[in-house]
Amino acid sequence: MTAKVVTLAVTGASGAPYFIQLLRSLLESQVKVNLLLSSAAKIVIKTELDIVLPDSEANYKAFFLEYFLGSDAQNEDSQSLLNVYSKDEWTSPVASGSNPSSAMIVCPCSMGTLSAIALGASNNLIERAADVMLKERRQLILLTREMPFSSIHLENMLKLSHMGVTIMPASPGFYQQPQSVSDLVNFVVARILDHLDINQSLIPRWGNN
């Protein structure tokens, strides 16, 4: 059976904690991740989490593996789990339909990125990777972050939904009686993992005592 490969793209919308918990969960589940970060995403990550990324993108892989896996970061198996690509790295596997990921999630997804995906703009690697998922009819999930939505936002989301894209607003539930921000983040990430068909224990399932 082919191993699951997920493309995780991060834009400049608010919601960096969702990205961090999702990447942690994917790596801990031994899912291979192709990571794409926009320039604005790096600013949001610093603003919301006080995480300062290395100056060079060449060091992002080592940084994230160390951040999440600690002493296991240097293991050969760990090294194979994560690849990081810059916004104009057009030779990366995610840029071609001949080597698509099993699924792609944009987490969080700005309305600008959503609009570009809906229009097929492909002006950067995030937009191109999403376009590949659409044309290859692969799973694409957009964790949208905006409030309120304009008519333009809603029209773009409806257009993408008709194409088979899963539009997943970052809307945590409260029936689990969350006790912390982490509980709210885990609720949303757990729903993403469910849609990716990846086992998760972040939250109990409804009806399970």
N, C-alpha and C. Protein backbone atom coordinates (compact mmCIF):
# COMPACT_ATOMS: atom_id res chain seq x y z
N MET A 1 0.84 -1.20 0.00
CA MET A 1 0.00 0.00 0.00
C MET A 1 0.88 1.25 0.00
N THR A 2 0.56 2.22 -0.86
CA THR A 2 1.33 3.45 -0.96
C THR A 2 1.15 4.28 0.30
N ALA A 3 2.26 4.78 0.84
CA ALA A 3 2.19 5.60 2.05
C ALA A 3 1.47 6.90 1.77
N LYS A 4 0.75 7.40 2.77
CA LYS A 4 0.03 8.66 2.61
C LYS A 4 1.01 9.81 2.60
N VAL A 5 0.86 10.69 1.63
CA VAL A 5 1.66 11.90 1.52
C VAL A 5 0.71 13.08 1.52
N VAL A 6 0.92 14.00 2.43
CA VAL A 6 0.05 15.16 2.56
C VAL A 6 0.83 16.43 2.29
N THR A 7 0.29 17.29 1.45
CA THR A 7 0.84 18.62 1.27
C THR A 7 0.14 19.55 2.26
N LEU A 8 0.93 20.19 3.10
CA LEU A 8 0.40 21.13 4.08
C LEU A 8 0.89 22.53 3.73
N ALA A 9 -0.06 23.40 3.35
CA ALA A 9 0.28 24.76 2.99
C ALA A 9 -0.22 25.71 4.07
N VAL A 10 0.57 26.72 4.35
CA VAL A 10 0.25 27.67 5.41
C VAL A 10 0.28 29.08 4.83
N THR A 11 -0.82 29.80 4.95
CA THR A 11 -0.90 31.16 4.42
C THR A 11 -0.88 32.17 5.57
N GLY A 12 -1.09 33.43 5.24
CA GLY A 12 -0.99 34.49 6.24
C GLY A 12 -2.25 34.76 7.03
N ALA A 13 -3.26 33.90 6.92
CA ALA A 13 -4.45 34.09 7.74
C ALA A 13 -4.14 33.78 9.19
N SER A 14 -4.90 34.38 10.10
CA SER A 14 -4.73 34.06 11.52
C SER A 14 -5.11 32.60 11.75
N GLY A 15 -4.37 31.94 12.65
CA GLY A 15 -4.66 30.53 12.93
C GLY A 15 -3.43 29.66 12.97
N ALA A 16 -2.27 30.26 13.29
CA ALA A 16 -1.03 29.48 13.36
C ALA A 16 -1.10 28.30 14.32
N PRO A 17 -1.83 28.38 15.45
CA PRO A 17 -1.91 27.21 16.33
C PRO A 17 -2.51 25.99 15.65
N TYR A 18 -3.43 26.20 14.72
CA TYR A 18 -3.99 25.06 13.99
C TYR A 18 -2.91 24.38 13.15
N PHE A 19 -2.10 25.19 12.48
CA PHE A 19 -1.01 24.64 11.67
C PHE A 19 -0.03 23.84 12.52
N ILE A 20 0.38 24.42 13.65
CA ILE A 20 1.37 23.76 14.50
C ILE A 20 0.86 22.41 15.01
N GLN A 21 -0.37 22.38 15.47
CA GLN A 21 -0.91 21.12 15.99
C GLN A 21 -1.13 20.11 14.87
N LEU A 22 -1.54 20.59 13.69
CA LEU A 22 -1.74 19.67 12.58
C LEU A 22 -0.42 19.06 12.12
N LEU A 23 0.62 19.88 11.98
CA LEU A 23 1.92 19.34 11.57
C LEU A 23 2.45 18.37 12.61
N ARG A 24 2.29 18.70 13.88
CA ARG A 24 2.72 17.79 14.94
C ARG A 24 2.00 16.44 14.82
N SER A 25 0.69 16.49 14.62
CA SER A 25 -0.10 15.26 14.54
C SER A 25 0.28 14.43 13.33
N LEU A 26 0.53 15.08 12.20
CA LEU A 26 0.90 14.35 10.99
C LEU A 26 2.25 13.66 11.17
N LEU A 27 3.22 14.38 11.71
CA LEU A 27 4.55 13.79 11.90
C LEU A 27 4.51 12.65 12.92
N GLU A 28 3.77 12.84 14.00
CA GLU A 28 3.65 11.78 15.00
C GLU A 28 2.93 10.55 14.46
N SER A 29 2.09 10.76 13.44
CA SER A 29 1.38 9.64 12.79
C SER A 29 2.19 9.03 11.66
N GLN A 30 3.43 9.50 11.50
CA GLN A 30 4.34 8.98 10.47
C GLN A 30 3.82 9.23 9.06
N VAL A 31 3.14 10.35 8.89
CA VAL A 31 2.66 10.76 7.57
C VAL A 31 3.72 11.65 6.93
N LYS A 32 4.06 11.38 5.69
CA LYS A 32 5.03 12.21 4.98
C LYS A 32 4.38 13.53 4.60
N VAL A 33 5.06 14.64 4.91
CA VAL A 33 4.49 15.97 4.71
C VAL A 33 5.36 16.79 3.77
N ASN A 34 4.72 17.37 2.76
CA ASN A 34 5.35 18.38 1.92
C ASN A 34 4.84 19.73 2.43
N LEU A 35 5.72 20.53 3.01
CA LEU A 35 5.30 21.76 3.68
C LEU A 35 5.61 22.98 2.82
N LEU A 36 4.59 23.84 2.69
CA LEU A 36 4.71 25.07 1.92
C LEU A 36 4.27 26.23 2.81
N LEU A 37 5.14 27.22 3.00
CA LEU A 37 4.80 28.38 3.83
C LEU A 37 4.91 29.66 3.02
N SER A 38 3.87 30.49 3.10
CA SER A 38 3.93 31.79 2.44
C SER A 38 4.76 32.75 3.28
N SER A 39 5.15 33.85 2.70
CA SER A 39 5.92 34.85 3.44
C SER A 39 5.11 35.42 4.59
N ALA A 40 3.83 35.64 4.35
CA ALA A 40 2.97 36.19 5.40
C ALA A 40 2.77 35.19 6.53
N ALA A 41 2.79 33.90 6.21
CA ALA A 41 2.61 32.87 7.25
C ALA A 41 3.71 32.95 8.29
N LYS A 42 4.92 33.23 7.86
CA LYS A 42 6.04 33.31 8.79
C LYS A 42 5.84 34.45 9.79
N ILE A 43 5.26 35.55 9.33
CA ILE A 43 4.98 36.69 10.21
C ILE A 43 3.90 36.32 11.22
N VAL A 44 2.85 35.63 10.73
CA VAL A 44 1.74 35.25 11.62
C VAL A 44 2.21 34.26 12.67
N ILE A 45 3.04 33.31 12.28
CA ILE A 45 3.56 32.31 13.24
C ILE A 45 4.33 33.00 14.36
N LYS A 46 5.13 34.00 14.02
CA LYS A 46 5.88 34.75 15.03
C LYS A 46 4.93 35.57 15.90
N THR A 47 3.95 36.20 15.29
CA THR A 47 3.03 37.07 16.01
C THR A 47 2.15 36.28 16.99
N GLU A 48 1.63 35.15 16.53
CA GLU A 48 0.66 34.40 17.33
C GLU A 48 1.28 33.40 18.30
N LEU A 49 2.49 32.92 17.98
CA LEU A 49 3.08 31.85 18.79
C LEU A 49 4.48 32.18 19.32
N ASP A 50 5.01 33.33 18.94
CA ASP A 50 6.38 33.69 19.33
C ASP A 50 7.40 32.66 18.85
N ILE A 51 7.09 32.03 17.73
CA ILE A 51 8.03 31.09 17.12
C ILE A 51 8.76 31.82 15.99
N VAL A 52 10.05 31.97 16.14
CA VAL A 52 10.86 32.67 15.12
C VAL A 52 11.53 31.63 14.25
N LEU A 53 11.16 31.60 12.99
CA LEU A 53 11.74 30.64 12.06
C LEU A 53 13.14 31.07 11.64
N PRO A 54 13.97 30.13 11.22
CA PRO A 54 15.32 30.47 10.77
C PRO A 54 15.29 31.47 9.62
N ASP A 55 16.35 32.23 9.47
CA ASP A 55 16.42 33.21 8.38
C ASP A 55 16.39 32.54 7.01
N SER A 56 16.99 31.37 6.92
CA SER A 56 17.07 30.66 5.64
C SER A 56 16.05 29.54 5.57
N GLU A 57 15.32 29.47 4.47
CA GLU A 57 14.35 28.39 4.28
C GLU A 57 15.03 27.02 4.25
N ALA A 58 16.30 27.01 3.92
CA ALA A 58 17.04 25.75 3.87
C ALA A 58 17.12 25.09 5.25
N ASN A 59 16.89 25.89 6.29
CA ASN A 59 16.98 25.37 7.66
C ASN A 59 15.61 25.05 8.27
N TYR A 60 14.54 25.25 7.49
CA TYR A 60 13.20 25.03 8.04
C TYR A 60 12.96 23.56 8.41
N LYS A 61 13.41 22.67 7.56
CA LYS A 61 13.17 21.25 7.82
C LYS A 61 13.79 20.84 9.15
N ALA A 62 15.05 21.17 9.34
CA ALA A 62 15.73 20.81 10.59
C ALA A 62 15.06 21.46 11.79
N PHE A 63 14.61 22.71 11.61
CA PHE A 63 13.96 23.43 12.70
C PHE A 63 12.67 22.73 13.13
N PHE A 64 11.81 22.41 12.18
CA PHE A 64 10.53 21.81 12.53
C PHE A 64 10.69 20.38 13.06
N LEU A 65 11.60 19.61 12.50
CA LEU A 65 11.81 18.26 13.00
C LEU A 65 12.32 18.29 14.44
N GLU A 66 13.23 19.19 14.72
CA GLU A 66 13.73 19.34 16.09
C GLU A 66 12.63 19.83 17.02
N TYR A 67 11.82 20.75 16.54
CA TYR A 67 10.74 21.33 17.36
C TYR A 67 9.72 20.27 17.76
N PHE A 68 9.39 19.37 16.84
CA PHE A 68 8.34 18.40 17.11
C PHE A 68 8.86 17.04 17.60
N LEU A 69 10.02 16.63 17.10
CA LEU A 69 10.49 15.27 17.38
C LEU A 69 11.67 15.22 18.33
N GLY A 70 12.27 16.36 18.62
CA GLY A 70 13.36 16.40 19.59
C GLY A 70 14.53 15.52 19.21
N SER A 71 14.91 14.63 20.11
CA SER A 71 16.09 13.79 19.90
C SER A 71 15.94 12.81 18.74
N ASP A 72 14.71 12.57 18.32
CA ASP A 72 14.48 11.65 17.20
C ASP A 72 14.59 12.34 15.84
N ALA A 73 14.85 13.64 15.85
CA ALA A 73 14.82 14.42 14.61
C ALA A 73 15.86 13.95 13.60
N GLN A 74 16.98 13.42 14.08
CA GLN A 74 18.06 13.04 13.18
C GLN A 74 17.93 11.62 12.65
N ASN A 75 16.94 10.88 13.14
CA ASN A 75 16.74 9.52 12.63
C ASN A 75 16.43 9.55 11.14
N GLU A 76 16.90 8.55 10.44
CA GLU A 76 16.65 8.50 9.00
C GLU A 76 15.17 8.49 8.69
N ASP A 77 14.39 7.74 9.48
CA ASP A 77 12.95 7.68 9.26
C ASP A 77 12.31 9.05 9.48
N SER A 78 12.77 9.76 10.49
CA SER A 78 12.24 11.10 10.77
C SER A 78 12.59 12.06 9.65
N GLN A 79 13.80 11.99 9.15
CA GLN A 79 14.25 12.87 8.09
C GLN A 79 13.41 12.70 6.82
N SER A 80 12.92 11.49 6.61
CA SER A 80 12.14 11.22 5.40
C SER A 80 10.70 11.71 5.51
N LEU A 81 10.28 12.13 6.71
CA LEU A 81 8.89 12.51 6.91
C LEU A 81 8.56 13.91 6.40
N LEU A 82 9.54 14.79 6.35
CA LEU A 82 9.25 16.20 6.06
C LEU A 82 10.13 16.75 4.96
N ASN A 83 9.49 17.42 4.00
CA ASN A 83 10.19 18.21 3.00
C ASN A 83 9.56 19.59 2.96
N VAL A 84 10.38 20.61 2.89
CA VAL A 84 9.90 21.99 2.86
C VAL A 84 10.30 22.62 1.53
N TYR A 85 9.33 23.26 0.86
CA TYR A 85 9.59 23.85 -0.44
C TYR A 85 9.25 25.34 -0.42
N SER A 86 10.05 26.13 -1.12
CA SER A 86 9.82 27.57 -1.20
C SER A 86 8.73 27.87 -2.22
N LYS A 87 8.24 29.09 -2.19
CA LYS A 87 7.07 29.47 -2.99
C LYS A 87 7.32 29.43 -4.50
N ASP A 88 8.59 29.46 -4.91
CA ASP A 88 8.89 29.44 -6.34
C ASP A 88 9.72 28.22 -6.74
N GLU A 89 9.61 27.15 -5.93
CA GLU A 89 10.37 25.93 -6.22
C GLU A 89 9.53 25.04 -7.16
N TRP A 90 9.51 25.41 -8.41
CA TRP A 90 8.62 24.79 -9.39
C TRP A 90 9.02 23.38 -9.76
N THR A 91 10.23 22.95 -9.38
CA THR A 91 10.65 21.57 -9.66
C THR A 91 10.24 20.61 -8.54
N SER A 92 9.54 21.10 -7.52
CA SER A 92 9.12 20.24 -6.42
C SER A 92 8.03 19.28 -6.90
N PRO A 93 7.86 18.13 -6.25
CA PRO A 93 6.86 17.16 -6.69
C PRO A 93 5.43 17.68 -6.65
N VAL A 94 5.14 18.62 -5.74
CA VAL A 94 3.75 19.10 -5.62
C VAL A 94 3.34 19.96 -6.80
N ALA A 95 4.29 20.37 -7.63
CA ALA A 95 3.97 21.24 -8.77
C ALA A 95 3.52 20.46 -10.00
N SER A 96 3.56 19.14 -9.92
CA SER A 96 3.24 18.34 -11.10
C SER A 96 2.18 17.29 -10.82
N GLY A 97 1.30 17.11 -11.77
CA GLY A 97 0.27 16.08 -11.65
C GLY A 97 0.83 14.68 -11.78
N SER A 98 2.09 14.54 -12.19
CA SER A 98 2.69 13.21 -12.30
C SER A 98 3.15 12.68 -10.94
N ASN A 99 3.14 13.55 -9.93
CA ASN A 99 3.56 13.13 -8.60
C ASN A 99 2.74 13.85 -7.52
N PRO A 100 1.41 13.72 -7.59
CA PRO A 100 0.57 14.46 -6.64
C PRO A 100 0.58 13.83 -5.26
N SER A 101 0.31 14.63 -4.25
CA SER A 101 0.15 14.12 -2.90
C SER A 101 -1.17 13.37 -2.79
N SER A 102 -1.30 12.58 -1.73
CA SER A 102 -2.57 11.90 -1.47
C SER A 102 -3.66 12.90 -1.17
N ALA A 103 -3.29 13.99 -0.47
CA ALA A 103 -4.24 15.02 -0.09
C ALA A 103 -3.47 16.31 0.15
N MET A 104 -4.20 17.42 0.13
CA MET A 104 -3.60 18.71 0.44
C MET A 104 -4.53 19.47 1.37
N ILE A 105 -3.94 20.10 2.38
CA ILE A 105 -4.69 20.93 3.29
C ILE A 105 -4.03 22.29 3.38
N VAL A 106 -4.81 23.36 3.21
CA VAL A 106 -4.31 24.72 3.41
C VAL A 106 -4.81 25.16 4.77
N CYS A 107 -3.89 25.32 5.72
CA CYS A 107 -4.25 25.51 7.12
C CYS A 107 -3.31 26.49 7.80
N PRO A 108 -3.77 27.71 8.07
CA PRO A 108 -5.06 28.28 7.70
C PRO A 108 -5.03 28.80 6.26
N CYS A 109 -6.22 29.01 5.71
CA CYS A 109 -6.35 29.47 4.32
C CYS A 109 -6.91 30.88 4.30
N SER A 110 -6.14 31.81 3.78
CA SER A 110 -6.61 33.19 3.64
C SER A 110 -7.61 33.29 2.49
N MET A 111 -8.40 34.33 2.51
CA MET A 111 -9.36 34.54 1.44
C MET A 111 -8.66 34.88 0.13
N GLY A 112 -7.47 35.49 0.21
CA GLY A 112 -6.71 35.76 -1.00
C GLY A 112 -6.26 34.47 -1.67
N THR A 113 -5.77 33.52 -0.88
CA THR A 113 -5.35 32.23 -1.43
C THR A 113 -6.55 31.47 -1.95
N LEU A 114 -7.66 31.49 -1.21
CA LEU A 114 -8.87 30.81 -1.66
C LEU A 114 -9.32 31.36 -3.01
N SER A 115 -9.29 32.68 -3.15
CA SER A 115 -9.70 33.31 -4.41
C SER A 115 -8.79 32.88 -5.55
N ALA A 116 -7.48 32.85 -5.31
CA ALA A 116 -6.53 32.46 -6.35
C ALA A 116 -6.73 31.00 -6.76
N ILE A 117 -7.03 30.13 -5.78
CA ILE A 117 -7.28 28.73 -6.10
C ILE A 117 -8.55 28.60 -6.94
N ALA A 118 -9.58 29.35 -6.57
CA ALA A 118 -10.85 29.30 -7.30
C ALA A 118 -10.67 29.76 -8.75
N LEU A 119 -9.74 30.68 -8.96
CA LEU A 119 -9.52 31.22 -10.31
C LEU A 119 -8.44 30.47 -11.08
N GLY A 120 -7.74 29.54 -10.41
CA GLY A 120 -6.66 28.82 -11.08
C GLY A 120 -5.46 29.68 -11.37
N ALA A 121 -5.16 30.63 -10.49
CA ALA A 121 -4.10 31.61 -10.76
C ALA A 121 -2.72 30.97 -10.84
N SER A 122 -2.39 30.10 -9.91
CA SER A 122 -1.08 29.40 -9.89
C SER A 122 0.10 30.36 -9.95
N ASN A 123 0.03 31.45 -9.19
CA ASN A 123 1.11 32.42 -9.19
C ASN A 123 2.26 32.04 -8.27
N ASN A 124 2.03 31.09 -7.36
CA ASN A 124 3.08 30.61 -6.48
C ASN A 124 2.87 29.12 -6.25
N LEU A 125 3.76 28.49 -5.51
CA LEU A 125 3.71 27.03 -5.39
C LEU A 125 2.48 26.56 -4.62
N ILE A 126 2.01 27.34 -3.64
CA ILE A 126 0.79 26.94 -2.92
C ILE A 126 -0.38 26.88 -3.88
N GLU A 127 -0.54 27.92 -4.68
CA GLU A 127 -1.66 27.97 -5.63
C GLU A 127 -1.52 26.88 -6.69
N ARG A 128 -0.31 26.65 -7.16
CA ARG A 128 -0.09 25.60 -8.17
C ARG A 128 -0.37 24.22 -7.59
N ALA A 129 0.09 23.97 -6.36
CA ALA A 129 -0.14 22.67 -5.74
C ALA A 129 -1.64 22.40 -5.59
N ALA A 130 -2.39 23.43 -5.21
CA ALA A 130 -3.84 23.28 -5.10
C ALA A 130 -4.47 23.03 -6.47
N ASP A 131 -3.97 23.71 -7.48
CA ASP A 131 -4.47 23.52 -8.84
C ASP A 131 -4.22 22.09 -9.31
N VAL A 132 -3.07 21.53 -8.94
CA VAL A 132 -2.77 20.13 -9.27
C VAL A 132 -3.79 19.20 -8.62
N MET A 133 -4.11 19.46 -7.36
CA MET A 133 -5.08 18.60 -6.67
C MET A 133 -6.44 18.65 -7.35
N LEU A 134 -6.82 19.83 -7.82
CA LEU A 134 -8.11 19.97 -8.51
C LEU A 134 -8.12 19.22 -9.83
N LYS A 135 -7.07 19.41 -10.61
CA LYS A 135 -7.09 18.79 -11.94
C LYS A 135 -6.91 17.27 -11.87
N GLU A 136 -6.22 16.80 -10.82
CA GLU A 136 -6.04 15.37 -10.64
C GLU A 136 -7.16 14.74 -9.82
N ARG A 137 -8.11 15.58 -9.39
CA ARG A 137 -9.27 15.14 -8.61
C ARG A 137 -8.83 14.43 -7.32
N ARG A 138 -7.87 15.05 -6.64
CA ARG A 138 -7.40 14.59 -5.34
C ARG A 138 -8.05 15.41 -4.23
N GLN A 139 -7.91 14.94 -3.01
CA GLN A 139 -8.54 15.61 -1.88
C GLN A 139 -7.86 16.94 -1.56
N LEU A 140 -8.67 17.99 -1.48
CA LEU A 140 -8.19 19.32 -1.14
C LEU A 140 -9.09 19.89 -0.04
N ILE A 141 -8.48 20.27 1.08
CA ILE A 141 -9.20 20.83 2.23
C ILE A 141 -8.69 22.23 2.49
N LEU A 142 -9.60 23.18 2.64
CA LEU A 142 -9.23 24.56 2.94
C LEU A 142 -9.79 24.94 4.30
N LEU A 143 -8.90 25.18 5.26
CA LEU A 143 -9.32 25.62 6.59
C LEU A 143 -9.43 27.15 6.53
N THR A 144 -10.63 27.62 6.22
CA THR A 144 -10.84 29.05 5.98
C THR A 144 -10.85 29.84 7.28
N ARG A 145 -10.27 31.03 7.23
CA ARG A 145 -10.19 31.91 8.39
C ARG A 145 -10.51 33.34 7.97
N GLU A 146 -11.74 33.73 8.28
CA GLU A 146 -12.17 35.11 8.04
C GLU A 146 -13.50 35.30 8.74
N MET A 147 -13.79 36.52 9.16
CA MET A 147 -15.07 36.80 9.78
C MET A 147 -15.34 38.30 9.74
N PRO A 148 -16.48 38.71 9.20
CA PRO A 148 -17.48 37.88 8.51
C PRO A 148 -17.03 37.59 7.08
N PHE A 149 -17.75 36.71 6.39
CA PHE A 149 -17.48 36.42 4.99
C PHE A 149 -18.21 37.43 4.12
N SER A 150 -17.53 37.91 3.09
CA SER A 150 -18.20 38.75 2.10
C SER A 150 -18.88 37.86 1.06
N SER A 151 -19.68 38.47 0.22
CA SER A 151 -20.33 37.71 -0.85
C SER A 151 -19.29 37.10 -1.79
N ILE A 152 -18.19 37.82 -2.01
CA ILE A 152 -17.11 37.30 -2.86
C ILE A 152 -16.53 36.04 -2.23
N HIS A 153 -16.25 36.08 -0.93
CA HIS A 153 -15.72 34.90 -0.24
C HIS A 153 -16.66 33.72 -0.39
N LEU A 154 -17.94 33.96 -0.15
CA LEU A 154 -18.93 32.89 -0.19
C LEU A 154 -19.08 32.32 -1.60
N GLU A 155 -19.05 33.19 -2.60
CA GLU A 155 -19.15 32.72 -3.98
C GLU A 155 -17.95 31.86 -4.35
N ASN A 156 -16.77 32.28 -3.93
CA ASN A 156 -15.56 31.50 -4.21
C ASN A 156 -15.61 30.14 -3.51
N MET A 157 -16.08 30.12 -2.26
CA MET A 157 -16.19 28.87 -1.53
C MET A 157 -17.20 27.94 -2.18
N LEU A 158 -18.33 28.49 -2.62
CA LEU A 158 -19.33 27.65 -3.29
C LEU A 158 -18.77 27.09 -4.59
N LYS A 159 -18.05 27.90 -5.33
CA LYS A 159 -17.44 27.45 -6.59
C LYS A 159 -16.50 26.28 -6.33
N LEU A 160 -15.67 26.40 -5.31
CA LEU A 160 -14.71 25.34 -4.99
C LEU A 160 -15.43 24.11 -4.45
N SER A 161 -16.48 24.32 -3.67
CA SER A 161 -17.24 23.19 -3.15
C SER A 161 -17.84 22.37 -4.28
N HIS A 162 -18.31 23.06 -5.32
CA HIS A 162 -18.85 22.35 -6.48
C HIS A 162 -17.76 21.54 -7.20
N MET A 163 -16.49 21.93 -7.03
CA MET A 163 -15.38 21.19 -7.63
C MET A 163 -14.93 20.01 -6.76
N GLY A 164 -15.54 19.86 -5.59
CA GLY A 164 -15.18 18.76 -4.71
C GLY A 164 -14.26 19.13 -3.57
N VAL A 165 -13.95 20.42 -3.44
CA VAL A 165 -13.09 20.88 -2.36
C VAL A 165 -13.86 20.88 -1.04
N THR A 166 -13.22 20.46 0.03
CA THR A 166 -13.83 20.52 1.35
C THR A 166 -13.51 21.87 1.98
N ILE A 167 -14.55 22.66 2.21
CA ILE A 167 -14.40 23.96 2.86
C ILE A 167 -14.65 23.75 4.34
N MET A 168 -13.64 23.96 5.15
CA MET A 168 -13.73 23.66 6.57
C MET A 168 -13.38 24.91 7.38
N PRO A 169 -14.37 25.73 7.73
CA PRO A 169 -14.09 26.89 8.57
C PRO A 169 -13.53 26.46 9.92
N ALA A 170 -12.64 27.27 10.47
CA ALA A 170 -12.06 26.96 11.77
C ALA A 170 -13.08 27.28 12.86
N SER A 171 -14.06 26.38 13.02
CA SER A 171 -15.17 26.60 13.94
C SER A 171 -15.22 25.48 14.97
N PRO A 172 -14.51 25.63 16.09
CA PRO A 172 -14.49 24.57 17.10
C PRO A 172 -15.84 24.40 17.77
N GLY A 173 -16.15 23.18 18.16
CA GLY A 173 -17.37 22.90 18.90
C GLY A 173 -17.15 23.09 20.40
N PHE A 174 -18.23 23.27 21.13
CA PHE A 174 -18.13 23.50 22.56
C PHE A 174 -18.82 22.42 23.37
N TYR A 175 -19.39 21.40 22.68
CA TYR A 175 -20.10 20.36 23.42
C TYR A 175 -19.14 19.46 24.19
N GLN A 176 -17.83 19.55 23.87
CA GLN A 176 -16.84 18.79 24.63
C GLN A 176 -16.43 19.53 25.91
N GLN A 177 -17.03 20.70 26.14
CA GLN A 177 -16.70 21.53 27.29
C GLN A 177 -15.20 21.81 27.37
N PRO A 178 -14.66 22.51 26.36
CA PRO A 178 -13.22 22.79 26.33
C PRO A 178 -12.79 23.61 27.54
N GLN A 179 -11.60 23.30 28.04
CA GLN A 179 -11.05 23.97 29.21
C GLN A 179 -9.89 24.91 28.87
N SER A 180 -9.47 24.89 27.61
CA SER A 180 -8.32 25.71 27.22
C SER A 180 -8.38 26.01 25.73
N VAL A 181 -7.52 26.93 25.31
CA VAL A 181 -7.39 27.22 23.87
C VAL A 181 -6.92 25.97 23.13
N SER A 182 -6.05 25.21 23.76
CA SER A 182 -5.56 23.98 23.13
C SER A 182 -6.70 23.01 22.83
N ASP A 183 -7.67 22.95 23.72
CA ASP A 183 -8.82 22.07 23.48
C ASP A 183 -9.59 22.52 22.24
N LEU A 184 -9.73 23.82 22.05
CA LEU A 184 -10.42 24.35 20.88
C LEU A 184 -9.63 24.05 19.60
N VAL A 185 -8.32 24.24 19.67
CA VAL A 185 -7.46 23.94 18.52
C VAL A 185 -7.53 22.46 18.19
N ASN A 186 -7.46 21.61 19.21
CA ASN A 186 -7.48 20.17 18.99
C ASN A 186 -8.78 19.72 18.34
N PHE A 187 -9.88 20.35 18.69
CA PHE A 187 -11.17 19.99 18.09
C PHE A 187 -11.11 20.16 16.57
N VAL A 188 -10.60 21.30 16.13
CA VAL A 188 -10.54 21.58 14.69
C VAL A 188 -9.55 20.65 14.00
N VAL A 189 -8.38 20.48 14.59
CA VAL A 189 -7.37 19.61 13.98
C VAL A 189 -7.86 18.17 13.91
N ALA A 190 -8.57 17.74 14.94
CA ALA A 190 -9.12 16.38 14.92
C ALA A 190 -10.08 16.18 13.76
N ARG A 191 -10.88 17.19 13.46
CA ARG A 191 -11.81 17.08 12.33
C ARG A 191 -11.05 17.02 11.00
N ILE A 192 -9.94 17.76 10.91
CA ILE A 192 -9.12 17.68 9.70
C ILE A 192 -8.55 16.27 9.55
N LEU A 193 -8.00 15.73 10.63
CA LEU A 193 -7.43 14.38 10.58
C LEU A 193 -8.48 13.35 10.22
N ASP A 194 -9.69 13.51 10.71
CA ASP A 194 -10.77 12.60 10.35
C ASP A 194 -11.00 12.61 8.84
N HIS A 195 -11.00 13.80 8.25
CA HIS A 195 -11.23 13.90 6.81
C HIS A 195 -10.06 13.36 6.01
N LEU A 196 -8.86 13.39 6.60
CA LEU A 196 -7.69 12.82 5.94
C LEU A 196 -7.57 11.32 6.19
N ASP A 197 -8.52 10.78 6.96
CA ASP A 197 -8.54 9.35 7.30
C ASP A 197 -7.27 8.96 8.06
N ILE A 198 -6.91 9.80 9.02
CA ILE A 198 -5.75 9.56 9.88
C ILE A 198 -6.25 9.42 11.31
N ASN A 199 -5.89 8.34 11.96
CA ASN A 199 -6.35 8.11 13.32
C ASN A 199 -5.91 9.25 14.23
N GLN A 200 -6.82 9.65 15.15
CA GLN A 200 -6.50 10.72 16.08
C GLN A 200 -7.11 10.44 17.44
N SER A 201 -6.42 10.93 18.47
CA SER A 201 -6.93 10.80 19.83
C SER A 201 -6.98 12.17 20.51
N LEU A 202 -7.07 13.22 19.72
CA LEU A 202 -7.08 14.57 20.27
C LEU A 202 -8.36 14.87 21.02
N ILE A 203 -9.48 14.34 20.51
CA ILE A 203 -10.75 14.55 21.19
C ILE A 203 -11.54 13.23 21.16
N PRO A 204 -12.36 12.99 22.17
CA PRO A 204 -13.22 11.80 22.13
C PRO A 204 -14.33 11.98 21.11
N ARG A 205 -14.75 10.88 20.52
CA ARG A 205 -15.83 10.96 19.53
C ARG A 205 -17.17 11.07 20.23
N TRP A 206 -18.08 11.79 19.59
CA TRP A 206 -19.40 12.00 20.17
C TRP A 206 -20.08 10.67 20.44
N GLY A 207 -20.58 10.49 21.65
CA GLY A 207 -21.28 9.26 22.01
C GLY A 207 -20.39 8.23 22.64
N ASN A 208 -19.05 8.45 22.61
CA ASN A 208 -18.12 7.52 23.25
C ASN A 208 -17.81 8.00 24.66
N ASN A 209 -18.07 7.18 25.64
CA ASN A 209 -17.82 7.56 27.04
C ASN A 209 -16.56 6.87 27.55
